[in-house]
Amino acid sequence: MTRLYNPLTAPDAPDADDHAPNSGGLLGEKDPAPVAVHGGADARSPFLLVSDHAGQAIPGDLADLGVTEADRRRHIGWDIGIDGVGRKLARILGSFLIEQVYSRLVIDCNRAPGHPTAIVSISDGTEVPANIGLSTADASLRTAEIFDPYHARIGEELDRRSAMGLETFLIALHSFTPKMGGVERPWQAGVLHNHDPRFGRIVLDALRADGLTVGDNEPYVLTDTSDYTVPMHGEKRGVPHIELEIRQDLIESEAGQGEWAERLARILPAARARYRALYGAHA
């Protein structure tokens, strides 16, 4: 069985267990743990980075989901390039980065459990045989062993930062395919926001001032039902936040990932300062 790249087996290994515990459920001893963490407990940067679709891992028991390796490497399986951007950005900023290492075809950790697109049977024209007719019990197992630990880890880090009195801006990192349904997407990046657009609009303006074509809630619209991470960990806690999308052809290469990490390492602190100047220290 082919094992695709995932953040846990790449260089610069994270501060996390390499393998999942033998739970007797979905994940076996040879499967990677569902969460990869970069940055130690002393990370005090105001930016908490999270990546819902960083990896391509598939539990051994699921036999590659019945999907070819070529399709698993497409945008339907993960957010291409975002792992590299996230880790480089975390190093530059001295930030904490929490990544989900399993393919979004196993379970999408940016969807609420039970959402129609949380576990898809077809994605951008590709069938996912292992997901067709999936039982409620099997879906619940994926939620319990992959989705829940990931979001619990984000919650734990937010709790730790709150207890220490650390300022926090939640940055959810994603990437998007340059073409969908035969339609070219002109944006180089997109800033997504929902009920509280304040920090998002500052980052949007800063990226546009950098000469980029940036979508405002494009190529996706962030809503209470379409997404999970930002509504749950940003909006409900009152933490300033954005969901940032970067076009995948711009970050496929290490050079492109480095360029975007450096750009964000310059823009995010300036956006934070602007946010505080406008809305105060406790907004």
C-alpha atoms as a PDB file:
ATOM      1  CA  MET A   1       0.000   0.000   0.000  1.00  0.00           C
ATOM      2  CA  THR A   2       1.387   3.411  -0.957  1.00  0.00           C
ATOM      3  CA  ARG A   3       1.949   5.816   1.895  1.00  0.00           C
ATOM      4  CA  LEU A   4       1.769   9.421   0.798  1.00  0.00           C
ATOM      5  CA  TYR A   5       3.606  12.337   2.320  1.00  0.00           C
ATOM      6  CA  ASN A   6       2.346  13.597   5.640  1.00  0.00           C
ATOM      7  CA  PRO A   7       3.777  16.222   7.986  1.00  0.00           C
ATOM      8  CA  LEU A   8       4.724  13.709  10.658  1.00  0.00           C
ATOM      9  CA  THR A   9       7.242  11.882   8.474  1.00  0.00           C
ATOM     10  CA  ALA A  10       8.706  14.942   6.808  1.00  0.00           C
ATOM     11  CA  PRO A  11      11.897  16.696   7.962  1.00  0.00           C
ATOM     12  CA  ASP A  12      11.537  19.048  10.919  1.00  0.00           C
ATOM     13  CA  ALA A  13       9.447  16.519  12.821  1.00  0.00           C
ATOM     14  CA  PRO A  14       6.843  18.086  15.118  1.00  0.00           C
ATOM     15  CA  ASP A  15       6.457  17.854  18.852  1.00  0.00           C
ATOM     16  CA  ALA A  16       3.892  15.048  18.752  1.00  0.00           C
ATOM     17  CA  ASP A  17       3.731  11.295  19.095  1.00  0.00           C
ATOM     18  CA  ASP A  18       4.795   9.659  15.829  1.00  0.00           C
ATOM     19  CA  HIS A  19       2.098   7.016  15.878  1.00  0.00           C
ATOM     20  CA  ALA A  20      -1.447   6.633  17.041  1.00  0.00           C
ATOM     21  CA  PRO A  21      -2.129   4.551  20.139  1.00  0.00           C
ATOM     22  CA  ASN A  22      -3.407   1.049  19.529  1.00  0.00           C
ATOM     23  CA  SER A  23      -7.032   1.875  20.279  1.00  0.00           C
ATOM     24  CA  GLY A  24      -8.519  -1.236  18.748  1.00  0.00           C
ATOM     25  CA  GLY A  25     -10.522   1.097  16.504  1.00  0.00           C
ATOM     26  CA  LEU A  26      -9.641   2.791  13.233  1.00  0.00           C
ATOM     27  CA  LEU A  27      -6.029   3.837  13.787  1.00  0.00           C
ATOM     28  CA  GLY A  28      -3.412   1.157  14.297  1.00  0.00           C
ATOM     29  CA  GLU A  29       0.076   1.296  15.765  1.00  0.00           C
ATOM     30  CA  LYS A  30       1.623   1.992  12.346  1.00  0.00           C
ATOM     31  CA  ASP A  31      -0.740   4.848  11.550  1.00  0.00           C
ATOM     32  CA  PRO A  32       0.433   8.378  12.336  1.00  0.00           C
ATOM     33  CA  ALA A  33      -1.151  10.259  15.200  1.00  0.00           C
ATOM     34  CA  PRO A  34      -3.870  12.573  13.877  1.00  0.00           C
ATOM     35  CA  VAL A  35      -2.273  15.794  15.086  1.00  0.00           C
ATOM     36  CA  ALA A  36       1.116  17.294  14.284  1.00  0.00           C
ATOM     37  CA  VAL A  37       2.352  20.130  16.470  1.00  0.00           C
ATOM     38  CA  HIS A  38       5.217  22.475  15.620  1.00  0.00           C
ATOM     39  CA  GLY A  39       6.624  24.893  18.171  1.00  0.00           C
ATOM     40  CA  GLY A  40       7.227  24.268  21.841  1.00  0.00           C
ATOM     41  CA  ALA A  41       5.168  25.188  24.872  1.00  0.00           C
ATOM     42  CA  ASP A  42       7.231  28.368  25.124  1.00  0.00           C
ATOM     43  CA  ALA A  43       5.828  29.692  21.834  1.00  0.00           C
ATOM     44  CA  ARG A  44       4.532  33.127  22.788  1.00  0.00           C
ATOM     45  CA  SER A  45       3.851  34.659  19.406  1.00  0.00           C
ATOM     46  CA  PRO A  46       0.346  36.157  19.276  1.00  0.00           C
ATOM     47  CA  PHE A  47      -0.385  34.057  16.186  1.00  0.00           C
ATOM     48  CA  LEU A  48      -1.756  30.543  16.593  1.00  0.00           C
ATOM     49  CA  LEU A  49      -1.560  28.787  13.233  1.00  0.00           C
ATOM     50  CA  VAL A  50      -3.819  25.853  12.376  1.00  0.00           C
ATOM     51  CA  SER A  51      -4.106  23.775   9.221  1.00  0.00           C
ATOM     52  CA  ASP A  52      -7.128  21.515   8.769  1.00  0.00           C
ATOM     53  CA  HIS A  53      -5.933  19.873   5.537  1.00  0.00           C
ATOM     54  CA  ALA A  54      -2.142  19.706   5.872  1.00  0.00           C
ATOM     55  CA  GLY A  55      -1.621  15.985   5.290  1.00  0.00           C
ATOM     56  CA  GLN A  56      -2.453  13.066   3.036  1.00  0.00           C
ATOM     57  CA  ALA A  57      -2.270  10.138   5.450  1.00  0.00           C
ATOM     58  CA  ILE A  58      -4.890   7.388   5.226  1.00  0.00           C
ATOM     59  CA  PRO A  59      -5.420   4.768   7.953  1.00  0.00           C
ATOM     60  CA  GLY A  60      -4.037   1.412   6.885  1.00  0.00           C
ATOM     61  CA  ASP A  61      -7.373  -0.312   7.438  1.00  0.00           C
ATOM     62  CA  LEU A  62      -9.022   1.903   4.815  1.00  0.00           C
ATOM     63  CA  ALA A  63      -6.874   0.576   1.937  1.00  0.00           C
ATOM     64  CA  ASP A  64      -6.271   3.971   0.328  1.00  0.00           C
ATOM     65  CA  LEU A  65     -10.057   4.513   0.247  1.00  0.00           C
ATOM     66  CA  GLY A  66     -10.115   2.854  -3.175  1.00  0.00           C
ATOM     67  CA  VAL A  67      -8.712   6.059  -4.709  1.00  0.00           C
ATOM     68  CA  THR A  68      -5.674   6.109  -7.003  1.00  0.00           C
ATOM     69  CA  GLU A  69      -2.474   7.732  -5.827  1.00  0.00           C
ATOM     70  CA  ALA A  70      -2.764  10.341  -8.574  1.00  0.00           C
ATOM     71  CA  ASP A  71      -6.192  11.389  -7.321  1.00  0.00           C
ATOM     72  CA  ARG A  72      -5.108  11.327  -3.685  1.00  0.00           C
ATOM     73  CA  ARG A  73      -2.368  13.803  -4.585  1.00  0.00           C
ATOM     74  CA  ARG A  74      -4.866  16.206  -6.140  1.00  0.00           C
ATOM     75  CA  HIS A  75      -6.482  19.089  -4.301  1.00  0.00           C
ATOM     76  CA  ILE A  76      -9.336  16.787  -3.289  1.00  0.00           C
ATOM     77  CA  GLY A  77      -7.053  14.977  -0.849  1.00  0.00           C
ATOM     78  CA  TRP A  78      -5.289  17.850   0.904  1.00  0.00           C
ATOM     79  CA  ASP A  79      -4.422  21.534   0.715  1.00  0.00           C
ATOM     80  CA  ILE A  80      -1.415  21.426  -1.596  1.00  0.00           C
ATOM     81  CA  GLY A  81       1.548  23.453  -0.346  1.00  0.00           C
ATOM     82  CA  ILE A  82       0.008  24.645   2.901  1.00  0.00           C
ATOM     83  CA  ASP A  83       2.098  22.416   5.161  1.00  0.00           C
ATOM     84  CA  GLY A  84       5.277  24.026   3.841  1.00  0.00           C
ATOM     85  CA  VAL A  85       3.880  27.536   4.182  1.00  0.00           C
ATOM     86  CA  GLY A  86       2.648  26.860   7.703  1.00  0.00           C
ATOM     87  CA  ARG A  87       5.874  25.393   9.006  1.00  0.00           C
ATOM     88  CA  LYS A  88       8.044  28.085   7.458  1.00  0.00           C
ATOM     89  CA  LEU A  89       5.737  30.795   8.801  1.00  0.00           C
ATOM     90  CA  ALA A  90       5.727  29.227  12.266  1.00  0.00           C
ATOM     91  CA  ARG A  91       9.530  29.259  12.335  1.00  0.00           C
ATOM     92  CA  ILE A  92       9.772  32.887  11.247  1.00  0.00           C
ATOM     93  CA  LEU A  93       7.139  34.126  13.702  1.00  0.00           C
ATOM     94  CA  GLY A  94       8.040  31.760  16.538  1.00  0.00           C
ATOM     95  CA  SER A  95       4.433  30.592  16.455  1.00  0.00           C
ATOM     96  CA  PHE A  96       2.613  27.436  17.480  1.00  0.00           C
ATOM     97  CA  LEU A  97       1.288  25.433  14.510  1.00  0.00           C
ATOM     98  CA  ILE A  98      -1.280  22.632  14.815  1.00  0.00           C
ATOM     99  CA  GLU A  99      -1.815  20.439  11.752  1.00  0.00           C
ATOM    100  CA  GLN A 100      -4.238  17.690  10.824  1.00  0.00           C
ATOM    101  CA  VAL A 101      -2.255  14.973   9.044  1.00  0.00           C
ATOM    102  CA  TYR A 102      -5.035  12.805   7.573  1.00  0.00           C
ATOM    103  CA  SER A 103      -6.479  13.304   4.107  1.00  0.00           C
ATOM    104  CA  ARG A 104      -9.669  15.307   3.908  1.00  0.00           C
ATOM    105  CA  LEU A 105     -11.058  12.337   1.964  1.00  0.00           C
ATOM    106  CA  VAL A 106     -10.983  10.355   5.228  1.00  0.00           C
ATOM    107  CA  ILE A 107     -12.782  13.129   7.089  1.00  0.00           C
ATOM    108  CA  ASP A 108     -12.824  16.874   6.554  1.00  0.00           C
ATOM    109  CA  CYS A 109     -11.813  18.486   9.820  1.00  0.00           C
ATOM    110  CA  ASN A 110     -13.217  21.833   8.723  1.00  0.00           C
ATOM    111  CA  ARG A 111     -16.764  20.478   8.657  1.00  0.00           C
ATOM    112  CA  ALA A 112     -19.010  19.722  11.602  1.00  0.00           C
ATOM    113  CA  PRO A 113     -19.527  15.992  12.210  1.00  0.00           C
ATOM    114  CA  GLY A 114     -22.517  14.837  10.211  1.00  0.00           C
ATOM    115  CA  HIS A 115     -22.220  17.653   7.663  1.00  0.00           C
ATOM    116  CA  PRO A 116     -23.017  16.364   4.140  1.00  0.00           C
ATOM    117  CA  THR A 117     -19.455  17.132   2.989  1.00  0.00           C
ATOM    118  CA  ALA A 118     -17.620  15.921   6.092  1.00  0.00           C
ATOM    119  CA  ILE A 119     -17.071  12.510   4.481  1.00  0.00           C
ATOM    120  CA  VAL A 120     -17.634  12.671   0.736  1.00  0.00           C
ATOM    121  CA  SER A 121     -18.386   9.816  -1.643  1.00  0.00           C
ATOM    122  CA  ILE A 122     -17.388  11.907  -4.667  1.00  0.00           C
ATOM    123  CA  SER A 123     -15.089  14.932  -4.904  1.00  0.00           C
ATOM    124  CA  ASP A 124     -14.488  16.996  -8.044  1.00  0.00           C
ATOM    125  CA  GLY A 125     -15.562  14.080 -10.217  1.00  0.00           C
ATOM    126  CA  THR A 126     -13.598  11.399  -8.354  1.00  0.00           C
ATOM    127  CA  GLU A 127     -15.461   8.634  -6.539  1.00  0.00           C
ATOM    128  CA  VAL A 128     -14.265   7.603  -3.081  1.00  0.00           C
ATOM    129  CA  PRO A 129     -15.409   3.961  -2.903  1.00  0.00           C
ATOM    130  CA  ALA A 130     -14.634   3.460   0.792  1.00  0.00           C
ATOM    131  CA  ASN A 131     -16.967   6.341   1.646  1.00  0.00           C
ATOM    132  CA  ILE A 132     -19.948   5.100  -0.357  1.00  0.00           C
ATOM    133  CA  GLY A 133     -22.623   3.738   1.954  1.00  0.00           C
ATOM    134  CA  LEU A 134     -20.448   4.398   5.010  1.00  0.00           C
ATOM    135  CA  SER A 135     -22.214   3.336   8.184  1.00  0.00           C
ATOM    136  CA  THR A 136     -22.947   5.766  10.980  1.00  0.00           C
ATOM    137  CA  ALA A 137     -20.704   3.717  13.268  1.00  0.00           C
ATOM    138  CA  ASP A 138     -17.740   3.918  10.877  1.00  0.00           C
ATOM    139  CA  ALA A 139     -18.251   7.640  10.348  1.00  0.00           C
ATOM    140  CA  SER A 140     -18.360   8.131  14.116  1.00  0.00           C
ATOM    141  CA  LEU A 141     -15.082   6.225  14.444  1.00  0.00           C
ATOM    142  CA  ARG A 142     -13.360   8.625  12.058  1.00  0.00           C
ATOM    143  CA  THR A 143     -14.770  11.531  14.027  1.00  0.00           C
ATOM    144  CA  ALA A 144     -13.617  10.106  17.362  1.00  0.00           C
ATOM    145  CA  GLU A 145     -10.092   9.165  16.273  1.00  0.00           C
ATOM    146  CA  ILE A 146      -9.187  11.929  13.817  1.00  0.00           C
ATOM    147  CA  PHE A 147     -11.531  14.926  14.054  1.00  0.00           C
ATOM    148  CA  ASP A 148     -11.954  15.051  17.834  1.00  0.00           C
ATOM    149  CA  PRO A 149      -8.238  14.858  18.811  1.00  0.00           C
ATOM    150  CA  TYR A 150      -7.383  17.608  16.341  1.00  0.00           C
ATOM    151  CA  HIS A 151      -9.960  20.054  17.619  1.00  0.00           C
ATOM    152  CA  ALA A 152      -9.286  19.077  21.225  1.00  0.00           C
ATOM    153  CA  ARG A 153      -5.628  20.002  20.680  1.00  0.00           C
ATOM    154  CA  ILE A 154      -6.565  23.400  19.292  1.00  0.00           C
ATOM    155  CA  GLY A 155      -8.869  23.945  22.266  1.00  0.00           C
ATOM    156  CA  GLU A 156      -6.133  22.930  24.704  1.00  0.00           C
ATOM    157  CA  GLU A 157      -3.693  25.394  23.195  1.00  0.00           C
ATOM    158  CA  LEU A 158      -6.233  28.203  23.293  1.00  0.00           C
ATOM    159  CA  ASP A 159      -6.973  27.366  26.936  1.00  0.00           C
ATOM    160  CA  ARG A 160      -3.240  27.370  27.744  1.00  0.00           C
ATOM    161  CA  ARG A 161      -2.744  30.725  26.103  1.00  0.00           C
ATOM    162  CA  SER A 162      -5.763  32.192  27.881  1.00  0.00           C
ATOM    163  CA  ALA A 163      -4.547  30.926  31.265  1.00  0.00           C
ATOM    164  CA  MET A 164      -1.146  32.510  30.632  1.00  0.00           C
ATOM    165  CA  GLY A 165      -2.686  35.794  29.546  1.00  0.00           C
ATOM    166  CA  LEU A 166      -1.205  35.503  26.056  1.00  0.00           C
ATOM    167  CA  GLU A 167      -2.672  37.521  23.225  1.00  0.00           C
ATOM    168  CA  THR A 168      -4.007  35.287  20.445  1.00  0.00           C
ATOM    169  CA  PHE A 169      -4.882  35.747  16.793  1.00  0.00           C
ATOM    170  CA  LEU A 170      -6.139  32.546  15.157  1.00  0.00           C
ATOM    171  CA  ILE A 171      -4.855  32.034  11.614  1.00  0.00           C
ATOM    172  CA  ALA A 172      -6.466  29.123   9.739  1.00  0.00           C
ATOM    173  CA  LEU A 173      -4.289  28.269   6.735  1.00  0.00           C
ATOM    174  CA  HIS A 174      -5.741  26.745   3.562  1.00  0.00           C
ATOM    175  CA  SER A 175      -5.016  26.525  -0.156  1.00  0.00           C
ATOM    176  CA  PHE A 176      -7.297  26.316  -3.197  1.00  0.00           C
ATOM    177  CA  THR A 177      -7.051  24.846  -6.683  1.00  0.00           C
ATOM    178  CA  PRO A 178      -6.463  27.347  -9.532  1.00  0.00           C
ATOM    179  CA  LYS A 179      -9.341  25.909 -11.564  1.00  0.00           C
ATOM    180  CA  MET A 180     -12.639  24.402 -10.414  1.00  0.00           C
ATOM    181  CA  GLY A 181     -15.342  23.053 -12.692  1.00  0.00           C
ATOM    182  CA  GLY A 182     -13.374  24.274 -15.693  1.00  0.00           C
ATOM    183  CA  VAL A 183     -13.422  27.864 -14.413  1.00  0.00           C
ATOM    184  CA  GLU A 184     -10.158  29.703 -13.758  1.00  0.00           C
ATOM    185  CA  ARG A 185      -9.881  31.393 -10.389  1.00  0.00           C
ATOM    186  CA  PRO A 186      -8.196  34.793 -10.725  1.00  0.00           C
ATOM    187  CA  TRP A 187      -7.373  35.359  -7.070  1.00  0.00           C
ATOM    188  CA  GLN A 188      -3.887  34.716  -5.757  1.00  0.00           C
ATOM    189  CA  ALA A 189      -5.299  34.503  -2.259  1.00  0.00           C
ATOM    190  CA  GLY A 190      -8.567  34.850  -0.418  1.00  0.00           C
ATOM    191  CA  VAL A 191      -9.434  36.168   3.029  1.00  0.00           C
ATOM    192  CA  LEU A 192     -12.510  34.542   4.556  1.00  0.00           C
ATOM    193  CA  HIS A 193     -14.530  35.945   7.445  1.00  0.00           C
ATOM    194  CA  ASN A 194     -18.011  35.611   8.887  1.00  0.00           C
ATOM    195  CA  HIS A 195     -19.569  37.423  11.841  1.00  0.00           C
ATOM    196  CA  ASP A 196     -16.479  39.447  12.747  1.00  0.00           C
ATOM    197  CA  PRO A 197     -14.689  40.760   9.636  1.00  0.00           C
ATOM    198  CA  ARG A 198     -12.460  43.287  11.422  1.00  0.00           C
ATOM    199  CA  PHE A 199      -9.100  41.511  11.343  1.00  0.00           C
ATOM    200  CA  GLY A 200      -9.924  39.908   8.011  1.00  0.00           C
ATOM    201  CA  ARG A 201     -10.503  43.252   6.323  1.00  0.00           C
ATOM    202  CA  ILE A 202      -7.186  44.584   7.625  1.00  0.00           C
ATOM    203  CA  VAL A 203      -5.309  41.569   6.261  1.00  0.00           C
ATOM    204  CA  LEU A 204      -7.258  41.803   2.997  1.00  0.00           C
ATOM    205  CA  ASP A 205      -6.252  45.443   2.521  1.00  0.00           C
ATOM    206  CA  ALA A 206      -2.628  44.653   3.365  1.00  0.00           C
ATOM    207  CA  LEU A 207      -2.418  41.825   0.836  1.00  0.00           C
ATOM    208  CA  ARG A 208      -3.999  43.985  -1.848  1.00  0.00           C
ATOM    209  CA  ALA A 209      -1.569  46.775  -1.033  1.00  0.00           C
ATOM    210  CA  ASP A 210       1.162  44.223  -1.742  1.00  0.00           C
ATOM    211  CA  GLY A 211      -0.032  44.156  -5.352  1.00  0.00           C
ATOM    212  CA  LEU A 212      -2.010  40.921  -5.124  1.00  0.00           C
ATOM    213  CA  THR A 213      -5.443  39.999  -6.454  1.00  0.00           C
ATOM    214  CA  VAL A 214      -7.187  38.898  -3.265  1.00  0.00           C
ATOM    215  CA  GLY A 215     -10.729  37.633  -2.862  1.00  0.00           C
ATOM    216  CA  ASP A 216     -13.003  38.947  -0.124  1.00  0.00           C
ATOM    217  CA  ASN A 217     -14.795  35.747   0.933  1.00  0.00           C
ATOM    218  CA  GLU A 218     -13.607  34.272  -2.370  1.00  0.00           C
ATOM    219  CA  PRO A 219     -13.153  31.607  -3.649  1.00  0.00           C
ATOM    220  CA  TYR A 220     -15.285  30.427  -0.712  1.00  0.00           C
ATOM    221  CA  VAL A 221     -17.706  32.059   1.694  1.00  0.00           C
ATOM    222  CA  LEU A 222     -17.166  31.292   5.373  1.00  0.00           C
ATOM    223  CA  THR A 223     -20.427  30.556   7.205  1.00  0.00           C
ATOM    224  CA  ASP A 224     -21.546  28.875  10.411  1.00  0.00           C
ATOM    225  CA  THR A 225     -22.414  25.731   8.458  1.00  0.00           C
ATOM    226  CA  SER A 226     -19.786  25.612   5.700  1.00  0.00           C
ATOM    227  CA  ASP A 227     -16.826  25.722   8.095  1.00  0.00           C
ATOM    228  CA  TYR A 228     -15.988  24.520  11.586  1.00  0.00           C
ATOM    229  CA  THR A 229     -12.554  25.656  12.771  1.00  0.00           C
ATOM    230  CA  VAL A 230     -12.989  29.430  12.669  1.00  0.00           C
ATOM    231  CA  PRO A 231     -16.597  29.449  13.954  1.00  0.00           C
ATOM    232  CA  MET A 232     -15.710  27.068  16.805  1.00  0.00           C
ATOM    233  CA  HIS A 233     -12.293  28.299  17.909  1.00  0.00           C
ATOM    234  CA  GLY A 234     -12.305  31.898  16.707  1.00  0.00           C
ATOM    235  CA  GLU A 235     -15.826  33.284  16.789  1.00  0.00           C
ATOM    236  CA  LYS A 236     -17.158  31.406  19.812  1.00  0.00           C
ATOM    237  CA  ARG A 237     -14.142  32.396  21.897  1.00  0.00           C
ATOM    238  CA  GLY A 238     -14.058  35.978  20.680  1.00  0.00           C
ATOM    239  CA  VAL A 239     -10.510  35.511  19.365  1.00  0.00           C
ATOM    240  CA  PRO A 240      -9.455  37.703  16.408  1.00  0.00           C
ATOM    241  CA  HIS A 241      -9.162  35.420  13.402  1.00  0.00           C
ATOM    242  CA  ILE A 242      -8.980  34.869   9.676  1.00  0.00           C
ATOM    243  CA  GLU A 243      -9.229  31.942   7.323  1.00  0.00           C
ATOM    244  CA  LEU A 244      -6.588  32.480   4.672  1.00  0.00           C
ATOM    245  CA  GLU A 245      -6.653  30.743   1.287  1.00  0.00           C
ATOM    246  CA  ILE A 246      -3.610  30.705  -1.043  1.00  0.00           C
ATOM    247  CA  ARG A 247      -3.780  29.514  -4.644  1.00  0.00           C
ATOM    248  CA  GLN A 248      -2.019  26.186  -4.926  1.00  0.00           C
ATOM    249  CA  ASP A 249       0.080  26.833  -8.030  1.00  0.00           C
ATOM    250  CA  LEU A 250       1.806  29.633  -6.106  1.00  0.00           C
ATOM    251  CA  ILE A 251       2.914  27.360  -3.258  1.00  0.00           C
ATOM    252  CA  GLU A 252       3.585  24.009  -4.923  1.00  0.00           C
ATOM    253  CA  SER A 253       7.334  24.641  -4.764  1.00  0.00           C
ATOM    254  CA  GLU A 254       9.465  25.210  -1.707  1.00  0.00           C
ATOM    255  CA  ALA A 255      10.463  28.579  -3.126  1.00  0.00           C
ATOM    256  CA  GLY A 256       6.829  29.623  -3.428  1.00  0.00           C
ATOM    257  CA  GLN A 257       6.107  28.420   0.082  1.00  0.00           C
ATOM    258  CA  GLY A 258       9.018  30.450   1.391  1.00  0.00           C
ATOM    259  CA  GLU A 259       7.894  33.545  -0.483  1.00  0.00           C
ATOM    260  CA  TRP A 260       4.409  33.335   0.997  1.00  0.00           C
ATOM    261  CA  ALA A 261       5.688  32.588   4.481  1.00  0.00           C
ATOM    262  CA  GLU A 262       7.906  35.667   4.346  1.00  0.00           C
ATOM    263  CA  ARG A 263       5.053  37.784   3.006  1.00  0.00           C
ATOM    264  CA  LEU A 264       2.704  36.686   5.782  1.00  0.00           C
ATOM    265  CA  ALA A 265       5.415  37.097   8.416  1.00  0.00           C
ATOM    266  CA  ARG A 266       5.610  40.733   7.340  1.00  0.00           C
ATOM    267  CA  ILE A 267       1.884  41.380   6.888  1.00  0.00           C
ATOM    268  CA  LEU A 268       0.394  39.625   9.926  1.00  0.00           C
ATOM    269  CA  PRO A 269       2.303  41.553  12.638  1.00  0.00           C
ATOM    270  CA  ALA A 270       1.520  44.839  10.886  1.00  0.00           C
ATOM    271  CA  ALA A 271      -2.145  43.828  10.627  1.00  0.00           C
ATOM    272  CA  ARG A 272      -2.176  42.949  14.322  1.00  0.00           C
ATOM    273  CA  ALA A 273      -0.756  46.373  15.204  1.00  0.00           C
ATOM    274  CA  ARG A 274      -3.369  48.054  13.023  1.00  0.00           C
ATOM    275  CA  TYR A 275      -6.147  45.988  14.624  1.00  0.00           C
ATOM    276  CA  ARG A 276      -5.037  46.967  18.130  1.00  0.00           C
ATOM    277  CA  ALA A 277      -4.758  50.620  17.153  1.00  0.00           C
ATOM    278  CA  LEU A 278      -8.317  50.586  15.825  1.00  0.00           C
ATOM    279  CA  TYR A 279     -10.065  48.354  18.350  1.00  0.00           C
ATOM    280  CA  GLY A 280      -7.980  48.368  21.508  1.00  0.00           C
ATOM    281  CA  ALA A 281      -5.988  45.844  23.502  1.00  0.00           C
ATOM    282  CA  HIS A 282      -8.924  43.657  24.502  1.00  0.00           C
ATOM    283  CA  ALA A 283     -10.983  43.525  21.295  1.00  0.00           C
END
